[in-house]
Amino acid sequence: MRLSLYRFDTGVETIGGNRVVYDLDGEVARFGAAAVEGPALVWQLDHDEFDAEGALLSRFVQLDPYAAWVVRCDRIDFPLGGFARLHTHPGPGIRYLLQGELEVEVEGRTAFYGAGGAWFEAGPDPVVARASSHLATSFVRALVLPAEWAGKRTIRYLDPPDAADVPQKATILLEHAIALPR
């Protein structure tokens, strides 16, 4: 199983399948068949090998084809200088930074992303994220989740936030059951 993210600057039209299409200008996510005239992101969950030209990031993801799964696209907005304390998620996903700057630490490795940067998170690996203190920071992501997580907040803190922390805001844009090849 392969989860990939592609960016299209002049529009895209998809014919269906396990794809999430995000309209960057309209801030709208669709599943499967979709058409966007301007810049767009496409997350593709695929069983077959395909040409990865133009891929920002891809990684093989092992999923149980007999379990029920959903794909979710959501947007995360951080307050200035905000951060997500040490946390995990119940499934893997690829994130794409829309604006701002974000420092992401996973297992002692730190990476810095600017607008247009993309990264993969496996889900069970503990992560800390720190947003810019001077730029509005937000990203969109597509996650592959066990079906029991449909409609639920996926962040699980290992280092609980303080009462004074201003949390990041998560907005679910799309959630759709997916069929995996058997």
Protein backbone atom coordinates (compact mmCIF):
# COMPACT_ATOMS: atom_id res chain seq x y z
CA MET A 1 0.00 0.00 0.00
CA ARG A 2 1.35 3.41 -0.88
CA LEU A 3 0.22 6.82 0.34
CA SER A 4 1.47 9.67 -1.84
CA LEU A 5 0.97 13.42 -2.04
CA TYR A 6 1.06 15.41 -5.27
CA ARG A 7 0.76 19.16 -5.85
CA PHE A 8 -0.75 20.54 -9.06
CA ASP A 9 -0.28 24.28 -9.63
CA THR A 10 -2.57 24.74 -12.67
CA GLY A 11 -5.46 22.43 -11.79
CA VAL A 12 -6.25 18.74 -11.73
CA GLU A 13 -9.07 16.35 -12.56
CA THR A 14 -9.29 12.94 -10.93
CA ILE A 15 -11.37 10.01 -12.11
CA GLY A 16 -12.15 8.43 -8.76
CA GLY A 17 -10.48 5.87 -6.57
CA ASN A 18 -8.99 6.28 -3.11
CA ARG A 19 -7.96 9.91 -3.53
CA VAL A 20 -8.44 13.07 -1.52
CA VAL A 21 -8.37 16.26 -3.59
CA TYR A 22 -7.84 19.56 -1.77
CA ASP A 23 -8.55 22.86 -3.54
CA LEU A 24 -5.89 25.22 -2.15
CA ASP A 25 -7.76 28.39 -3.16
CA GLY A 26 -11.24 27.19 -2.16
CA GLU A 27 -10.04 25.32 0.96
CA VAL A 28 -12.39 22.44 0.08
CA ALA A 29 -11.62 18.70 0.13
CA ARG A 30 -13.32 16.06 -2.02
CA PHE A 31 -12.98 12.29 -2.26
CA GLY A 32 -12.55 10.33 -5.51
CA ALA A 33 -13.58 12.10 -8.71
CA ALA A 34 -13.00 15.86 -8.54
CA ALA A 35 -11.92 18.79 -10.67
CA VAL A 36 -10.00 21.84 -9.46
CA GLU A 37 -9.07 24.68 -11.81
CA GLY A 38 -6.35 26.26 -9.66
CA PRO A 39 -3.67 24.90 -7.32
CA ALA A 40 -4.56 21.59 -5.69
CA LEU A 41 -3.18 18.77 -3.58
CA VAL A 42 -3.97 15.11 -4.25
CA TRP A 43 -3.34 12.37 -1.69
CA GLN A 44 -3.50 8.96 -3.30
CA LEU A 45 -3.79 5.64 -1.49
CA ASP A 46 -2.76 3.07 -4.04
CA HIS A 47 -2.05 -0.62 -4.22
CA ASP A 48 -0.37 -0.66 -7.64
CA GLU A 49 2.96 0.87 -8.53
CA PHE A 50 2.64 4.07 -10.53
CA ASP A 51 4.82 6.84 -11.87
CA ALA A 52 5.92 9.00 -8.93
CA GLU A 53 6.96 11.97 -11.07
CA GLY A 54 5.93 15.13 -9.28
CA ALA A 55 5.51 13.38 -5.93
CA LEU A 56 6.35 15.56 -2.95
CA LEU A 57 6.56 12.65 -0.58
CA SER A 58 5.55 9.00 -0.62
CA ARG A 59 5.94 6.10 1.73
CA PHE A 60 4.67 2.53 1.86
CA VAL A 61 2.03 2.00 4.48
CA GLN A 62 1.08 -1.48 5.67
CA LEU A 63 -2.67 -1.75 6.29
CA ASP A 64 -4.96 -4.66 7.05
CA PRO A 65 -7.20 -5.07 3.95
CA TYR A 66 -9.83 -6.94 6.01
CA ALA A 67 -10.37 -4.12 8.50
CA ALA A 68 -12.62 -1.12 7.99
CA TRP A 69 -10.76 2.13 7.25
CA VAL A 70 -11.51 5.80 6.66
CA VAL A 71 -9.44 8.50 5.05
CA ARG A 72 -9.69 11.91 6.65
CA CYS A 73 -8.56 15.30 5.41
CA ASP A 74 -8.35 18.03 7.98
CA ARG A 75 -6.78 21.41 8.53
CA ILE A 76 -4.73 22.36 11.58
CA ASP A 77 -4.31 26.03 12.53
CA PHE A 78 -1.81 27.06 15.20
CA PRO A 79 -1.89 30.28 17.23
CA LEU A 80 1.29 32.37 16.92
CA GLY A 81 4.03 30.51 18.77
CA GLY A 82 1.66 27.60 19.42
CA PHE A 83 2.75 24.01 19.73
CA ALA A 84 1.43 20.50 19.92
CA ARG A 85 3.00 18.78 22.92
CA LEU A 86 4.31 15.23 22.60
CA HIS A 87 1.52 13.25 20.92
CA THR A 88 0.59 10.37 18.61
CA HIS A 89 -2.21 9.57 16.12
CA PRO A 90 -3.98 6.24 15.45
CA GLY A 91 -2.97 6.12 11.79
CA PRO A 92 -0.42 7.34 9.24
CA GLY A 93 -0.70 10.46 7.12
CA ILE A 94 1.03 13.06 4.99
CA ARG A 95 0.93 16.71 6.00
CA TYR A 96 1.38 19.80 3.77
CA LEU A 97 2.22 23.20 5.27
CA LEU A 98 -0.08 25.85 3.82
CA GLN A 99 1.51 28.86 5.52
CA GLY A 100 3.97 29.81 8.20
CA GLU A 101 6.83 27.80 9.63
CA LEU A 102 6.74 24.60 11.64
CA GLU A 103 9.37 22.68 13.56
CA VAL A 104 8.54 18.96 13.82
CA GLU A 105 10.42 16.62 16.15
CA VAL A 106 10.07 12.84 15.83
CA GLU A 107 12.22 10.38 17.79
CA GLY A 108 14.95 12.94 18.47
CA ARG A 109 15.13 14.18 14.86
CA THR A 110 14.02 17.73 14.13
CA ALA A 111 12.91 19.05 10.74
CA PHE A 112 11.88 22.59 9.79
CA TYR A 113 9.18 23.27 7.20
CA GLY A 114 8.12 26.41 5.39
CA ALA A 115 5.04 26.98 3.27
CA GLY A 116 4.82 24.18 0.69
CA GLY A 117 6.77 21.70 2.80
CA ALA A 118 5.39 18.19 3.25
CA TRP A 119 6.16 15.36 5.66
CA PHE A 120 4.96 11.89 6.64
CA GLU A 121 3.96 10.84 10.14
CA ALA A 122 3.57 7.13 10.85
CA GLY A 123 0.93 7.65 13.56
CA PRO A 124 2.30 5.73 16.52
CA ASP A 125 5.62 7.64 16.57
CA PRO A 126 5.56 10.41 19.22
CA VAL A 127 5.70 13.90 17.67
CA VAL A 128 6.18 17.46 18.93
CA ALA A 129 5.32 20.41 16.65
CA ARG A 130 6.19 24.09 17.23
CA ALA A 131 4.70 26.87 15.11
CA SER A 132 6.26 30.18 14.14
CA SER A 133 5.94 32.98 16.69
CA HIS A 134 5.64 35.63 13.96
CA LEU A 135 3.74 33.94 11.07
CA ALA A 136 0.28 32.38 10.98
CA THR A 137 0.90 28.64 10.62
CA SER A 138 -1.46 26.00 9.26
CA PHE A 139 -1.32 22.69 7.44
CA VAL A 140 -3.65 20.17 5.83
CA ARG A 141 -3.23 16.44 6.11
CA ALA A 142 -4.74 13.20 4.94
CA LEU A 143 -4.79 10.40 7.52
CA VAL A 144 -5.66 6.74 7.08
CA LEU A 145 -7.53 5.68 10.21
CA PRO A 146 -9.25 2.61 11.61
CA ALA A 147 -13.00 3.16 11.11
CA GLU A 148 -13.68 3.47 14.84
CA TRP A 149 -11.91 6.86 14.72
CA ALA A 150 -14.46 8.36 12.32
CA GLY A 151 -15.58 11.75 13.61
CA LYS A 152 -13.24 11.67 16.61
CA ARG A 153 -10.27 13.87 17.44
CA THR A 154 -7.15 11.79 16.71
CA ILE A 155 -4.47 13.55 18.74
CA ARG A 156 -3.44 11.61 21.86
CA TYR A 157 -1.14 13.57 24.15
CA LEU A 158 1.70 11.78 25.90
CA ASP A 159 2.63 15.08 27.57
CA PRO A 160 -0.75 16.62 28.53
CA PRO A 161 -1.19 20.33 27.76
CA ASP A 162 -1.17 22.89 30.56
CA ALA A 163 -4.38 24.79 31.25
CA ALA A 164 -2.65 27.96 29.95
CA ASP A 165 -1.77 26.37 26.56
CA VAL A 166 -3.71 27.70 23.58
CA PRO A 167 -4.39 24.58 21.52
CA GLN A 168 -4.14 24.27 17.79
CA LYS A 169 -7.51 24.13 16.03
CA ALA A 170 -8.34 21.01 14.00
CA THR A 171 -11.13 21.19 11.41
CA ILE A 172 -12.29 18.02 9.65
CA LEU A 173 -12.79 18.84 5.97
CA LEU A 174 -13.59 15.35 4.69
CA GLU A 175 -13.97 11.84 6.01
CA HIS A 176 -14.71 8.89 3.75
CA ALA A 177 -14.74 5.10 4.10
CA ILE A 178 -12.14 3.53 1.84
CA ALA A 179 -11.92 0.16 0.14
CA LEU A 180 -8.54 -1.52 0.17
CA PRO A 181 -7.60 -4.24 -2.31
CA ARG A 182 -7.77 -7.77 -0.96
